[in-house]
Structure formats: structure tokens, C-alpha cells
Amino acid sequence: MRRPMKQERKFTVVIERDEGGYYVATVLALRGCHTQAKTLDPLMKRVREAIEVCLGDEEDQSGSLELVGIQPISL
């Protein structure tokens, strides 16, 4: 018996650099889903792991968001 294939989900990840030089990734569609690393390769591995953890904690996985744009605002 074959297992049904998992439906692939896409997530938009915002990557920023903090004052200490670390890269910080935020998954917009998953509340509280963040991770950080000193370089981009480990960051991408960690963000995948963080998404898996957040999806395991998320009860309603039906909605998804599409990034429309990012607008800087100065105060």
C-alpha cells in the first residue's frame, strides 16, 4: 500500500542581520517561528527545522499568506 504524498507548502522567510552580525530568519505565516545563525547556510537548515517544529505545534494549518511586499518606514 502506498502512502499518499505530502502536499508541499511554501513559506516566505524574511532574513535580516542583527547588530551582532547574526542572520535572523522569520517565517511570516507561522506566528513565533524565528531562528538565527552566523552564516546563511546554517540559517537555511535551521529555518527548515523551525518550520517543522512550528507546524507540529500549529493546530490549524489551512491558511497561508502570500508576500505582497516589504516597505521600510522611518520614524
C-alpha atoms as a PDB file:
ATOM      1  CA  MET A   1       0.000   0.000   0.000  1.00  0.00           C
ATOM      2  CA  ARG A   2       1.403   3.380  -0.994  1.00  0.00           C
ATOM      3  CA  ARG A   3       1.354   6.337   1.338  1.00  0.00           C
ATOM      4  CA  PRO A   4      -0.245   9.490  -0.031  1.00  0.00           C
ATOM      5  CA  MET A   5       2.318  12.115  -0.975  1.00  0.00           C
ATOM      6  CA  LYS A   6       2.608  15.081   1.343  1.00  0.00           C
ATOM      7  CA  GLN A   7       1.400  18.313  -0.162  1.00  0.00           C
ATOM      8  CA  GLU A   8       4.325  20.698  -0.461  1.00  0.00           C
ATOM      9  CA  ARG A   9       3.844  24.019   1.289  1.00  0.00           C
ATOM     10  CA  LYS A  10       5.778  27.184   0.525  1.00  0.00           C
ATOM     11  CA  PHE A  11       6.698  29.770   3.127  1.00  0.00           C
ATOM     12  CA  THR A  12       8.046  33.288   2.820  1.00  0.00           C
ATOM     13  CA  VAL A  13      11.072  33.835   5.052  1.00  0.00           C
ATOM     14  CA  VAL A  14      12.366  37.314   5.894  1.00  0.00           C
ATOM     15  CA  ILE A  15      16.106  37.360   6.604  1.00  0.00           C
ATOM     16  CA  GLU A  16      17.693  40.246   8.482  1.00  0.00           C
ATOM     17  CA  ARG A  17      21.087  40.846  10.068  1.00  0.00           C
ATOM     18  CA  ASP A  18      21.239  41.958  13.709  1.00  0.00           C
ATOM     19  CA  GLU A  19      23.735  44.247  15.450  1.00  0.00           C
ATOM     20  CA  GLY A  20      25.953  41.291  16.335  1.00  0.00           C
ATOM     21  CA  GLY A  21      26.240  40.170  12.704  1.00  0.00           C
ATOM     22  CA  TYR A  22      23.889  37.180  13.074  1.00  0.00           C
ATOM     23  CA  TYR A  23      21.312  36.428  10.406  1.00  0.00           C
ATOM     24  CA  VAL A  24      17.769  36.216  11.769  1.00  0.00           C
ATOM     25  CA  ALA A  25      15.035  34.400   9.831  1.00  0.00           C
ATOM     26  CA  THR A  26      11.319  34.968  10.421  1.00  0.00           C
ATOM     27  CA  VAL A  27       8.640  32.797   8.802  1.00  0.00           C
ATOM     28  CA  LEU A  28       5.795  35.215   8.153  1.00  0.00           C
ATOM     29  CA  ALA A  29       2.955  32.674   8.002  1.00  0.00           C
ATOM     30  CA  LEU A  30       3.855  30.954  11.284  1.00  0.00           C
ATOM     31  CA  ARG A  31       3.493  33.052  14.413  1.00  0.00           C
ATOM     32  CA  GLY A  32       6.614  32.921  16.583  1.00  0.00           C
ATOM     33  CA  CYS A  33       8.668  30.997  14.014  1.00  0.00           C
ATOM     34  CA  HIS A  34      12.163  32.520  14.135  1.00  0.00           C
ATOM     35  CA  THR A  35      15.741  31.284  14.146  1.00  0.00           C
ATOM     36  CA  GLN A  36      19.246  32.696  13.761  1.00  0.00           C
ATOM     37  CA  ALA A  37      22.747  31.700  12.660  1.00  0.00           C
ATOM     38  CA  LYS A  38      26.108  33.312  11.969  1.00  0.00           C
ATOM     39  CA  THR A  39      26.046  32.396   8.247  1.00  0.00           C
ATOM     40  CA  LEU A  40      23.339  31.758   5.651  1.00  0.00           C
ATOM     41  CA  ASP A  41      23.871  28.016   5.045  1.00  0.00           C
ATOM     42  CA  PRO A  42      23.231  27.014   8.668  1.00  0.00           C
ATOM     43  CA  LEU A  43      20.403  29.564   8.815  1.00  0.00           C
ATOM     44  CA  MET A  44      18.545  27.850   5.973  1.00  0.00           C
ATOM     45  CA  LYS A  45      18.931  24.449   7.647  1.00  0.00           C
ATOM     46  CA  ARG A  46      17.701  25.862  10.947  1.00  0.00           C
ATOM     47  CA  VAL A  47      14.734  27.642   9.389  1.00  0.00           C
ATOM     48  CA  ARG A  48      13.564  24.356   7.842  1.00  0.00           C
ATOM     49  CA  GLU A  49      13.818  22.722  11.259  1.00  0.00           C
ATOM     50  CA  ALA A  50      11.962  25.635  12.868  1.00  0.00           C
ATOM     51  CA  ILE A  51       9.155  25.353  10.301  1.00  0.00           C
ATOM     52  CA  GLU A  52       8.762  21.651  11.059  1.00  0.00           C
ATOM     53  CA  VAL A  53       8.541  22.380  14.789  1.00  0.00           C
ATOM     54  CA  CYS A  54       6.072  25.227  14.272  1.00  0.00           C
ATOM     55  CA  LEU A  55       3.900  23.097  12.001  1.00  0.00           C
ATOM     56  CA  GLY A  56       3.837  20.388  14.636  1.00  0.00           C
ATOM     57  CA  ASP A  57       2.600  22.949  17.155  1.00  0.00           C
ATOM     58  CA  GLU A  58       0.100  24.575  14.807  1.00  0.00           C
ATOM     59  CA  GLU A  59      -3.443  23.221  15.069  1.00  0.00           C
ATOM     60  CA  ASP A  60      -4.919  24.941  12.007  1.00  0.00           C
ATOM     61  CA  GLN A  61      -2.594  24.555   9.040  1.00  0.00           C
ATOM     62  CA  SER A  62      -5.138  25.509   6.400  1.00  0.00           C
ATOM     63  CA  GLY A  63      -4.297  29.179   5.819  1.00  0.00           C
ATOM     64  CA  SER A  64      -1.285  30.523   4.047  1.00  0.00           C
ATOM     65  CA  LEU A  65      -0.114  34.040   3.273  1.00  0.00           C
ATOM     66  CA  GLU A  66       1.471  35.399   0.124  1.00  0.00           C
ATOM     67  CA  LEU A  67       4.096  38.111   0.489  1.00  0.00           C
ATOM     68  CA  VAL A  68       2.953  41.235  -1.319  1.00  0.00           C
ATOM     69  CA  GLY A  69       5.860  43.485  -0.445  1.00  0.00           C
ATOM     70  CA  ILE A  70       8.103  44.968   2.210  1.00  0.00           C
ATOM     71  CA  GLN A  71       8.034  48.680   2.880  1.00  0.00           C
ATOM     72  CA  PRO A  72      10.558  50.428   5.129  1.00  0.00           C
ATOM     73  CA  ILE A  73       9.140  53.186   7.333  1.00  0.00           C
ATOM     74  CA  SER A  74      11.266  55.800   9.089  1.00  0.00           C
ATOM     75  CA  LEU A  75      10.119  57.452  12.292  1.00  0.00           C
END
